[in-house]
PDB file of N, CA and C in Angstrom:
ATOM      1  N   MET A   1      10.495 -23.957  31.362  1.00  0.00           N
ATOM      2  CA  MET A   1       9.396 -23.497  31.413  1.00  0.00           C
ATOM      3  C   MET A   1       8.154 -24.717  31.257  1.00  0.00           C
ATOM      4  N   SER A   2       7.512 -25.259  31.864  1.00  0.00           N
ATOM      5  CA  SER A   2       6.414 -26.273  31.394  1.00  0.00           C
ATOM      6  C   SER A   2       5.097 -25.821  30.421  1.00  0.00           C
ATOM      7  N   VAL A   3       4.969 -26.285  29.721  1.00  0.00           N
ATOM      8  CA  VAL A   3       4.240 -26.134  28.537  1.00  0.00           C
ATOM      9  C   VAL A   3       2.962 -26.311  28.735  1.00  0.00           C
ATOM     10  N   LEU A   4       2.522 -27.205  29.999  1.00  0.00           N
ATOM     11  CA  LEU A   4       1.132 -27.764  30.312  1.00  0.00           C
ATOM     12  C   LEU A   4       0.771 -26.918  31.281  1.00  0.00           C
ATOM     13  N   ARG A   5       1.642 -25.557  32.011  1.00  0.00           N
ATOM     14  CA  ARG A   5       0.831 -24.907  32.974  1.00  0.00           C
ATOM     15  C   ARG A   5      -0.446 -23.764  32.783  1.00  0.00           C
ATOM     16  N   LYS A   6      -1.166 -24.231  33.552  1.00  0.00           N
ATOM     17  CA  LYS A   6      -2.187 -23.142  32.962  1.00  0.00           C
ATOM     18  C   LYS A   6      -2.282 -21.886  33.073  1.00  0.00           C
ATOM     19  N   ARG A   7      -2.464 -21.177  32.248  1.00  0.00           N
ATOM     20  CA  ARG A   7      -2.201 -19.873  31.980  1.00  0.00           C
ATOM     21  C   ARG A   7      -3.834 -19.052  32.037  1.00  0.00           C
ATOM     22  N   ASP A   8      -4.125 -18.749  32.692  1.00  0.00           N
ATOM     23  CA  ASP A   8      -5.710 -17.925  32.934  1.00  0.00           C
ATOM     24  C   ASP A   8      -5.690 -16.328  33.202  1.00  0.00           C
ATOM     25  N   ARG A   9      -4.609 -16.074  33.019  1.00  0.00           N
ATOM     26  CA  ARG A   9      -4.597 -14.284  32.738  1.00  0.00           C
ATOM     27  C   ARG A   9      -4.069 -13.926  31.191  1.00  0.00           C
ATOM     28  N   GLN A  10      -4.770 -13.076  30.451  1.00  0.00           N
ATOM     29  CA  GLN A  10      -4.413 -12.437  29.419  1.00  0.00           C
ATOM     30  C   GLN A  10      -3.746 -10.890  29.532  1.00  0.00           C
ATOM     31  N   ILE A  11      -2.530 -10.467  28.746  1.00  0.00           N
ATOM     32  CA  ILE A  11      -2.244  -9.086  28.725  1.00  0.00           C
ATOM     33  C   ILE A  11      -2.266  -8.708  27.150  1.00  0.00           C
ATOM     34  N   ALA A  12      -2.605  -7.619  26.876  1.00  0.00           N
ATOM     35  CA  ALA A  12      -3.009  -7.744  25.264  1.00  0.00           C
ATOM     36  C   ALA A  12      -2.429  -5.981  24.989  1.00  0.00           C
ATOM     37  N   PHE A  13      -1.632  -5.765  24.174  1.00  0.00           N
ATOM     38  CA  PHE A  13      -0.935  -4.494  23.591  1.00  0.00           C
ATOM     39  C   PHE A  13      -1.072  -4.410  22.134  1.00  0.00           C
ATOM     40  N   ARG A  14      -1.107  -3.250  21.856  1.00  0.00           N
ATOM     41  CA  ARG A  14      -0.921  -2.872  20.291  1.00  0.00           C
ATOM     42  C   ARG A  14       0.655  -2.558  19.736  1.00  0.00           C
ATOM     43  N   VAL A  15       1.087  -3.206  18.968  1.00  0.00           N
ATOM     44  CA  VAL A  15       2.558  -2.878  18.101  1.00  0.00           C
ATOM     45  C   VAL A  15       1.991  -2.189  16.631  1.00  0.00           C
ATOM     46  N   SER A  16       3.115  -1.437  16.242  1.00  0.00           N
ATOM     47  CA  SER A  16       3.063  -1.109  14.669  1.00  0.00           C
ATOM     48  C   SER A  16       3.192  -1.988  13.812  1.00  0.00           C
ATOM     49  N   GLU A  17       3.087  -1.899  12.440  1.00  0.00           N
ATOM     50  CA  GLU A  17       3.515  -2.947  11.475  1.00  0.00           C
ATOM     51  C   GLU A  17       5.120  -3.300  11.668  1.00  0.00           C
ATOM     52  N   ASP A  18       5.906  -2.274  12.081  1.00  0.00           N
ATOM     53  CA  ASP A  18       7.057  -2.310  11.886  1.00  0.00           C
ATOM     54  C   ASP A  18       7.526  -3.188  13.277  1.00  0.00           C
ATOM     55  N   GLU A  19       7.156  -3.128  14.344  1.00  0.00           N
ATOM     56  CA  GLU A  19       7.389  -3.603  15.516  1.00  0.00           C
ATOM     57  C   GLU A  19       6.950  -5.201  15.486  1.00  0.00           C
ATOM     58  N   TYR A  20       5.871  -5.355  14.978  1.00  0.00           N
ATOM     59  CA  TYR A  20       5.440  -6.554  14.600  1.00  0.00           C
ATOM     60  C   TYR A  20       6.434  -7.359  13.869  1.00  0.00           C
ATOM     61  N   ARG A  21       6.925  -7.270  12.448  1.00  0.00           N
ATOM     62  CA  ARG A  21       7.735  -7.626  12.143  1.00  0.00           C
ATOM     63  C   ARG A  21       9.282  -8.203  12.766  1.00  0.00           C
ATOM     64  N   ALA A  22       9.358  -6.841  13.235  1.00  0.00           N
ATOM     65  CA  ALA A  22      10.800  -7.410  14.376  1.00  0.00           C
ATOM     66  C   ALA A  22      10.469  -8.218  15.477  1.00  0.00           C
ATOM     67  N   LEU A  23       9.096  -8.095  15.707  1.00  0.00           N
ATOM     68  CA  LEU A  23       9.118  -9.667  16.834  1.00  0.00           C
ATOM     69  C   LEU A  23       8.955 -10.897  16.339  1.00  0.00           C
ATOM     70  N   GLN A  24       8.546 -10.588  14.873  1.00  0.00           N
ATOM     71  CA  GLN A  24       8.530 -11.942  14.152  1.00  0.00           C
ATOM     72  C   GLN A  24      10.110 -12.442  13.839  1.00  0.00           C
ATOM     73  N   ILE A  25      10.730 -12.052  13.399  1.00  0.00           N
ATOM     74  CA  ILE A  25      12.251 -11.854  13.393  1.00  0.00           C
ATOM     75  C   ILE A  25      12.882 -12.307  14.766  1.00  0.00           C
ATOM     76  N   ALA A  26      12.643 -11.696  15.340  1.00  0.00           N
ATOM     77  CA  ALA A  26      13.244 -12.142  17.270  1.00  0.00           C
ATOM     78  C   ALA A  26      12.659 -13.235  17.506  1.00  0.00           C
ATOM     79  N   CYS A  27      11.498 -13.740  17.168  1.00  0.00           N
ATOM     80  CA  CYS A  27      11.071 -15.043  17.298  1.00  0.00           C
ATOM     81  C   CYS A  27      11.686 -16.279  16.542  1.00  0.00           C
ATOM     82  N   LEU A  28      11.580 -15.938  15.630  1.00  0.00           N
ATOM     83  CA  LEU A  28      12.733 -16.902  14.594  1.00  0.00           C
ATOM     84  C   LEU A  28      14.357 -16.649  15.079  1.00  0.00           C
ATOM     85  N   GLU A  29      14.664 -15.930  15.445  1.00  0.00           N
ATOM     86  CA  GLU A  29      16.359 -16.081  15.449  1.00  0.00           C
ATOM     87  C   GLU A  29      16.352 -16.302  17.274  1.00  0.00           C
ATOM     88  N   SER A  30      15.349 -16.376  18.451  1.00  0.00           N
ATOM     89  CA  SER A  30      15.412 -16.512  19.525  1.00  0.00           C
ATOM     90  C   SER A  30      15.147 -18.291  19.684  1.00  0.00           C
ATOM     91  N   GLY A  31      14.425 -18.892  18.354  1.00  0.00           N
ATOM     92  CA  GLY A  31      13.650 -19.808  18.304  1.00  0.00           C
ATOM     93  C   GLY A  31      12.513 -20.458  19.458  1.00  0.00           C
ATOM     94  N   SER A  32      11.977 -19.008  19.511  1.00  0.00           N
ATOM     95  CA  SER A  32      10.678 -19.238  20.221  1.00  0.00           C
ATOM     96  C   SER A  32       9.703 -19.909  19.560  1.00  0.00           C
ATOM     97  N   ARG A  33       8.808 -20.583  19.846  1.00  0.00           N
ATOM     98  CA  ARG A  33       7.623 -20.728  19.296  1.00  0.00           C
ATOM     99  C   ARG A  33       6.585 -19.738  18.887  1.00  0.00           C
ATOM    100  N   SER A  34       6.709 -19.062  19.700  1.00  0.00           N
ATOM    101  CA  SER A  34       5.765 -17.651  19.076  1.00  0.00           C
ATOM    102  C   SER A  34       6.008 -16.414  19.637  1.00  0.00           C
ATOM    103  N   ILE A  35       5.450 -15.546  19.150  1.00  0.00           N
ATOM    104  CA  ILE A  35       5.568 -14.331  19.480  1.00  0.00           C
ATOM    105  C   ILE A  35       4.958 -14.205  21.111  1.00  0.00           C
ATOM    106  N   SER A  36       4.217 -14.654  21.344  1.00  0.00           N
ATOM    107  CA  SER A  36       3.604 -14.905  23.030  1.00  0.00           C
ATOM    108  C   SER A  36       4.591 -15.421  23.851  1.00  0.00           C
ATOM    109  N   ASP A  37       5.466 -16.390  23.355  1.00  0.00           N
ATOM    110  CA  ASP A  37       6.307 -17.116  24.351  1.00  0.00           C
ATOM    111  C   ASP A  37       7.505 -16.024  24.465  1.00  0.00           C
ATOM    112  N   LEU A  38       7.729 -15.526  23.131  1.00  0.00           N
ATOM    113  CA  LEU A  38       9.070 -14.515  23.148  1.00  0.00           C
ATOM    114  C   LEU A  38       8.745 -13.452  24.046  1.00  0.00           C
ATOM    115  N   ALA A  39       7.432 -13.104  23.775  1.00  0.00           N
ATOM    116  CA  ALA A  39       6.883 -12.030  24.943  1.00  0.00           C
ATOM    117  C   ALA A  39       6.899 -12.031  26.479  1.00  0.00           C
ATOM    118  N   ARG A  40       6.314 -13.242  26.253  1.00  0.00           N
ATOM    119  CA  ARG A  40       6.532 -13.901  27.781  1.00  0.00           C
ATOM    120  C   ARG A  40       7.669 -13.780  28.449  1.00  0.00           C
ATOM    121  N   GLU A  41       8.247 -14.041  27.685  1.00  0.00           N
ATOM    122  CA  GLU A  41      10.221 -14.549  28.279  1.00  0.00           C
ATOM    123  C   GLU A  41      10.894 -13.619  28.559  1.00  0.00           C
ATOM    124  N   ALA A  42      10.115 -12.461  27.718  1.00  0.00           N
ATOM    125  CA  ALA A  42      10.778 -10.892  27.903  1.00  0.00           C
ATOM    126  C   ALA A  42      10.256  -9.840  29.242  1.00  0.00           C
ATOM    127  N   VAL A  43       9.139 -10.317  29.034  1.00  0.00           N
ATOM    128  CA  VAL A  43       8.295  -9.925  30.763  1.00  0.00           C
ATOM    129  C   VAL A  43       8.751 -10.596  31.659  1.00  0.00           C
ATOM    130  N   ARG A  44       8.884 -11.707  31.658  1.00  0.00           N
ATOM    131  CA  ARG A  44       9.672 -12.445  32.834  1.00  0.00           C
ATOM    132  C   ARG A  44      10.943 -11.774  33.408  1.00  0.00           C
ATOM    133  N   GLY A  45      11.863 -11.602  32.517  1.00  0.00           N
ATOM    134  CA  GLY A  45      13.288 -10.833  32.226  1.00  0.00           C
ATOM    135  C   GLY A  45      13.229  -9.752  33.053  1.00  0.00           C
ATOM    136  N   VAL A  46      12.405  -8.902  32.874  1.00  0.00           N
ATOM    137  CA  VAL A  46      12.205  -7.292  33.339  1.00  0.00           C
ATOM    138  C   VAL A  46      11.425  -7.311  34.841  1.00  0.00           C
ATOM    139  N   ALA A  47      10.711  -8.381  34.827  1.00  0.00           N
ATOM    140  CA  ALA A  47       9.874  -8.859  36.101  1.00  0.00           C
ATOM    141  C   ALA A  47      11.142  -9.568  36.919  1.00  0.00           C
ATOM    142  N   GLY A  48      12.284 -10.131  36.435  1.00  0.00           N
ATOM    143  CA  GLY A  48      13.174 -11.131  37.461  1.00  0.00           C
ATOM    144  C   GLY A  48      12.505 -11.991  37.582  1.00  0.00           C
ATOM    145  N   VAL A  49      11.552 -12.722  36.736  1.00  0.00           N
ATOM    146  CA  VAL A  49      11.167 -13.925  36.782  1.00  0.00           C
ATOM    147  C   VAL A  49      11.683 -15.120  36.392  1.00  0.00           C
ATOM    148  N   GLY A  50      12.143 -16.350  36.460  1.00  0.00           N
ATOM    149  CA  GLY A  50      12.746 -16.745  35.787  1.00  0.00           C
ATOM    150  C   GLY A  50      13.674 -16.861  34.762  1.00  0.00           C
ATOM    151  N   SER A  51      14.230 -16.010  34.403  1.00  0.00           N
ATOM    152  CA  SER A  51      15.068 -15.118  33.453  1.00  0.00           C
ATOM    153  C   SER A  51      16.321 -14.634  34.346  1.00  0.00           C
ATOM    154  N   GLN A  52      17.581 -14.944  33.730  1.00  0.00           N
ATOM    155  CA  GLN A  52      18.877 -14.629  34.454  1.00  0.00           C
ATOM    156  C   GLN A  52      19.177 -12.985  34.076  1.00  0.00           C
ATOM    157  N   ALA A  53      18.288 -12.423  32.548  1.00  0.00           N
ATOM    158  CA  ALA A  53      18.817 -10.889  32.562  1.00  0.00           C
ATOM    159  C   ALA A  53      17.679 -10.656  31.536  1.00  0.00           C
ATOM    160  N   PRO A  54      17.629  -9.265  31.878  1.00  0.00           N
ATOM    161  CA  PRO A  54      16.215  -8.663  30.916  1.00  0.00           C
ATOM    162  C   PRO A  54      16.373  -8.918  29.455  1.00  0.00           C
ATOM    163  N   PHE A  55      15.608  -9.154  28.887  1.00  0.00           N
ATOM    164  CA  PHE A  55      15.608  -9.889  27.388  1.00  0.00           C
ATOM    165  C   PHE A  55      16.796 -10.498  26.998  1.00  0.00           C
ATOM    166  N   ALA A  56      17.088 -11.081  27.492  1.00  0.00           N
ATOM    167  CA  ALA A  56      18.257 -12.263  26.908  1.00  0.00           C
ATOM    168  C   ALA A  56      17.794 -12.744  25.897  1.00  0.00           C
ATOM    169  N   ARG A  57      18.826 -13.081  25.168  1.00  0.00           N
ATOM    170  CA  ARG A  57      18.771 -13.714  23.963  1.00  0.00           C
ATOM    171  C   ARG A  57      19.642 -14.876  23.757  1.00  0.00           C
ATOM    172  N   ARG A  58      19.278 -15.815  23.404  1.00  0.00           N
ATOM    173  CA  ARG A  58      20.090 -17.117  22.906  1.00  0.00           C
ATOM    174  C   ARG A  58      21.082 -16.851  22.278  1.00  0.00           C
ATOM    175  N   THR A  59      22.067 -16.964  22.522  1.00  0.00           N
ATOM    176  CA  THR A  59      23.257 -17.025  21.397  1.00  0.00           C
ATOM    177  C   THR A  59      23.740 -18.352  20.847  1.00  0.00           C
ATOM    178  N   ASP A  60      23.399 -19.157  21.605  1.00  0.00           N
ATOM    179  CA  ASP A  60      23.858 -20.326  21.231  1.00  0.00           C
ATOM    180  C   ASP A  60      23.088 -21.031  20.228  1.00  0.00           C
ATOM    181  N   PRO A  61      23.183 -21.119  18.956  1.00  0.00           N
ATOM    182  CA  PRO A  61      22.527 -21.448  18.238  1.00  0.00           C
ATOM    183  C   PRO A  61      22.403 -22.911  18.434  1.00  0.00           C
ATOM    184  N   GLY A  62      21.846 -23.649  19.212  1.00  0.00           N
ATOM    185  CA  GLY A  62      21.725 -25.213  19.614  1.00  0.00           C
ATOM    186  C   GLY A  62      20.230 -25.656  18.652  1.00  0.00           C
ATOM    187  N   PRO A  63      19.923 -26.822  19.165  1.00  0.00           N
ATOM    188  CA  PRO A  63      18.894 -27.293  18.252  1.00  0.00           C
ATOM    189  C   PRO A  63      17.603 -26.911  18.885  1.00  0.00           C
ATOM    190  N   THR A  64      17.609 -26.335  19.684  1.00  0.00           N
ATOM    191  CA  THR A  64      16.365 -25.466  20.107  1.00  0.00           C
ATOM    192  C   THR A  64      15.876 -24.585  19.040  1.00  0.00           C
ATOM    193  N   SER A  65      16.895 -23.843  18.772  1.00  0.00           N
ATOM    194  CA  SER A  65      16.872 -22.560  17.950  1.00  0.00           C
ATOM    195  C   SER A  65      16.351 -22.934  16.428  1.00  0.00           C
ATOM    196  N   LEU A  66      17.607 -24.089  16.123  1.00  0.00           N
ATOM    197  CA  LEU A  66      17.744 -24.437  14.835  1.00  0.00           C
ATOM    198  C   LEU A  66      16.066 -25.488  14.294  1.00  0.00           C
ATOM    199  N   THR A  67      15.497 -25.818  15.657  1.00  0.00           N
ATOM    200  CA  THR A  67      14.286 -26.877  15.480  1.00  0.00           C
ATOM    201  C   THR A  67      13.248 -25.655  15.312  1.00  0.00           C
ATOM    202  N   GLY A  68      13.442 -24.622  16.161  1.00  0.00           N
ATOM    203  CA  GLY A  68      12.343 -23.489  16.048  1.00  0.00           C
ATOM    204  C   GLY A  68      12.377 -22.992  14.438  1.00  0.00           C
ATOM    205  N   ARG A  69      13.461 -22.641  14.012  1.00  0.00           N
ATOM    206  CA  ARG A  69      13.581 -22.082  12.549  1.00  0.00           C
ATOM    207  C   ARG A  69      13.116 -22.972  11.638  1.00  0.00           C
ATOM    208  N   VAL A  70      13.886 -24.339  11.633  1.00  0.00           N
ATOM    209  CA  VAL A  70      12.795 -24.986  10.568  1.00  0.00           C
ATOM    210  C   VAL A  70      11.549 -25.123  10.739  1.00  0.00           C
ATOM    211  N   GLY A  71      11.078 -25.226  11.845  1.00  0.00           N
ATOM    212  CA  GLY A  71       9.509 -26.196  12.171  1.00  0.00           C
ATOM    213  C   GLY A  71       8.732 -24.373  11.552  1.00  0.00           C
ATOM    214  N   ARG A  72       9.322 -23.099  11.922  1.00  0.00           N
ATOM    215  CA  ARG A  72       8.731 -21.980  11.000  1.00  0.00           C
ATOM    216  C   ARG A  72       8.898 -21.910   9.529  1.00  0.00           C
ATOM    217  N   ILE A  73       9.862 -22.432   9.513  1.00  0.00           N
ATOM    218  CA  ILE A  73       9.696 -22.721   7.576  1.00  0.00           C
ATOM    219  C   ILE A  73       8.930 -23.514   6.911  1.00  0.00           C
ATOM    220  N   GLU A  74       9.077 -24.770   7.708  1.00  0.00           N
ATOM    221  CA  GLU A  74       8.041 -25.515   7.105  1.00  0.00           C
ATOM    222  C   GLU A  74       6.476 -24.939   7.011  1.00  0.00           C
ATOM    223  N   GLU A  75       6.067 -24.326   8.557  1.00  0.00           N
ATOM    224  CA  GLU A  75       4.515 -23.649   8.146  1.00  0.00           C
ATOM    225  C   GLU A  75       4.465 -22.500   7.048  1.00  0.00           C
ATOM    226  N   VAL A  76       5.494 -21.959   7.073  1.00  0.00           N
ATOM    227  CA  VAL A  76       5.248 -21.029   5.740  1.00  0.00           C
ATOM    228  C   VAL A  76       5.590 -21.839   4.535  1.00  0.00           C
ATOM    229  N   LEU A  77       6.360 -22.790   4.229  1.00  0.00           N
ATOM    230  CA  LEU A  77       6.199 -23.504   2.926  1.00  0.00           C
ATOM    231  C   LEU A  77       4.554 -24.372   2.952  1.00  0.00           C
ATOM    232  N   GLU A  78       3.914 -24.843   3.734  1.00  0.00           N
ATOM    233  CA  GLU A  78       2.558 -25.414   4.241  1.00  0.00           C
ATOM    234  C   GLU A  78       1.764 -24.600   3.338  1.00  0.00           C
ATOM    235  N   ARG A  79       1.842 -23.230   4.076  1.00  0.00           N
ATOM    236  CA  ARG A  79       0.733 -22.148   3.810  1.00  0.00           C
ATOM    237  C   ARG A  79       0.790 -21.805   2.251  1.00  0.00           C
ATOM    238  N   LEU A  80       2.483 -21.651   2.155  1.00  0.00           N
ATOM    239  CA  LEU A  80       2.343 -21.392   0.543  1.00  0.00           C
ATOM    240  C   LEU A  80       1.984 -22.698  -0.852  1.00  0.00           C
ATOM    241  N   MET A  81       2.293 -23.304  -0.250  1.00  0.00           N
ATOM    242  CA  MET A  81       1.725 -24.671  -0.796  1.00  0.00           C
ATOM    243  C   MET A  81       0.187 -25.014  -1.124  1.00  0.00           C
ATOM    244  N   GLU A  82      -0.436 -24.443  -0.337  1.00  0.00           N
ATOM    245  CA  GLU A  82      -2.058 -24.421   0.108  1.00  0.00           C
ATOM    246  C   GLU A  82      -2.517 -23.167  -0.631  1.00  0.00           C
ATOM    247  N   ASP A  83      -1.768 -21.722  -0.718  1.00  0.00           N
ATOM    248  CA  ASP A  83      -2.365 -21.150  -1.520  1.00  0.00           C
ATOM    249  C   ASP A  83      -2.188 -21.113  -3.068  1.00  0.00           C
ATOM    250  N   LEU A  84      -1.277 -21.623  -3.345  1.00  0.00           N
ATOM    251  CA  LEU A  84      -0.870 -22.291  -4.733  1.00  0.00           C
ATOM    252  C   LEU A  84      -1.872 -23.423  -5.409  1.00  0.00           C
ATOM    253  N   HIS A  85      -2.294 -24.197  -4.375  1.00  0.00           N
ATOM    254  CA  HIS A  85      -3.040 -25.374  -5.092  1.00  0.00           C
ATOM    255  C   HIS A  85      -4.446 -24.647  -4.865  1.00  0.00           C
ATOM    256  N   GLU A  86      -4.783 -23.575  -4.232  1.00  0.00           N
ATOM    257  CA  GLU A  86      -6.002 -22.783  -4.325  1.00  0.00           C
ATOM    258  C   GLU A  86      -6.271 -21.880  -5.900  1.00  0.00           C
ATOM    259  N   ILE A  87      -4.763 -21.396  -6.057  1.00  0.00           N
ATOM    260  CA  ILE A  87      -5.149 -20.192  -7.217  1.00  0.00           C
ATOM    261  C   ILE A  87      -5.205 -21.293  -8.195  1.00  0.00           C
ATOM    262  N   LYS A  88      -4.304 -22.482  -7.954  1.00  0.00           N
ATOM    263  CA  LYS A  88      -4.690 -23.877  -9.320  1.00  0.00           C
ATOM    264  C   LYS A  88      -5.930 -24.150  -9.560  1.00  0.00           C
ATOM    265  N   LYS A  89      -6.600 -24.564  -8.559  1.00  0.00           N
ATOM    266  CA  LYS A  89      -8.243 -24.959  -8.591  1.00  0.00           C
ATOM    267  C   LYS A  89      -8.759 -23.372  -9.192  1.00  0.00           C
ATOM    268  N   ARG A  90      -8.577 -22.545  -8.904  1.00  0.00           N
ATOM    269  CA  ARG A  90      -9.442 -21.318  -9.487  1.00  0.00           C
ATOM    270  C   ARG A  90      -9.322 -21.221 -10.778  1.00  0.00           C
ATOM    271  N   LEU A  91      -8.085 -21.221 -11.207  1.00  0.00           N
ATOM    272  CA  LEU A  91      -7.273 -21.188 -12.291  1.00  0.00           C
ATOM    273  C   LEU A  91      -8.061 -22.289 -13.477  1.00  0.00           C
ATOM    274  N   ALA A  92      -7.841 -23.062 -12.834  1.00  0.00           N
ATOM    275  CA  ALA A  92      -8.220 -24.662 -13.567  1.00  0.00           C
ATOM    276  C   ALA A  92      -9.477 -24.667 -14.460  1.00  0.00           C
ATOM    277  N   PRO A  93     -10.572 -24.152 -13.899  1.00  0.00           N
ATOM    278  CA  PRO A  93     -11.941 -24.016 -14.676  1.00  0.00           C
ATOM    279  C   PRO A  93     -12.070 -22.808 -15.704  1.00  0.00           C
ATOM    280  N   SER A  94     -11.388 -21.776 -15.620  1.00  0.00           N
ATOM    281  CA  SER A  94     -11.412 -20.630 -16.460  1.00  0.00           C
ATOM    282  C   SER A  94     -10.353 -20.994 -17.569  1.00  0.00           C
ATOM    283  N   ALA A  95      -9.057 -21.880 -17.691  1.00  0.00           N
ATOM    284  CA  ALA A  95      -8.385 -22.561 -18.630  1.00  0.00           C
ATOM    285  C   ALA A  95      -9.465 -23.449 -19.963  1.00  0.00           C
ATOM    286  N   ASN A  96     -10.005 -24.562 -18.805  1.00  0.00           N
ATOM    287  CA  ASN A  96     -10.658 -25.140 -19.725  1.00  0.00           C
ATOM    288  C   ASN A  96     -11.691 -24.881 -20.527  1.00  0.00           C
ATOM    289  N   SER A  97     -12.327 -23.764 -20.058  1.00  0.00           N
ATOM    290  CA  SER A  97     -13.672 -22.869 -20.964  1.00  0.00           C
ATOM    291  C   SER A  97     -13.001 -22.259 -22.279  1.00  0.00           C
ATOM    292  N   ALA A  98     -11.467 -21.977 -22.111  1.00  0.00           N
ATOM    293  CA  ALA A  98     -11.210 -21.163 -23.428  1.00  0.00           C
ATOM    294  C   ALA A  98     -10.928 -21.851 -24.534  1.00  0.00           C
TER     295      ALA A  98
END
């Protein structure tokens, strides 16, 4: 799949909170870059375009899957660190005034 291919059509649908969490987990397990990429591959499988089997999951924990997981973990850790720094900034003035 070419990342540089222009995509000018959009499809949107709603999912429940549980479905969204399941999609996030499937995204991590499959090594997909995003839920959009995961959904795109799933739809291609159902439509018979560019995929061998509907909803085919990668069973090979190859470098792409591992790289995707590590990348997601890094993103989450970065967000947590930013949140911790923000909390520290907010607490610092109140600690000094006591």
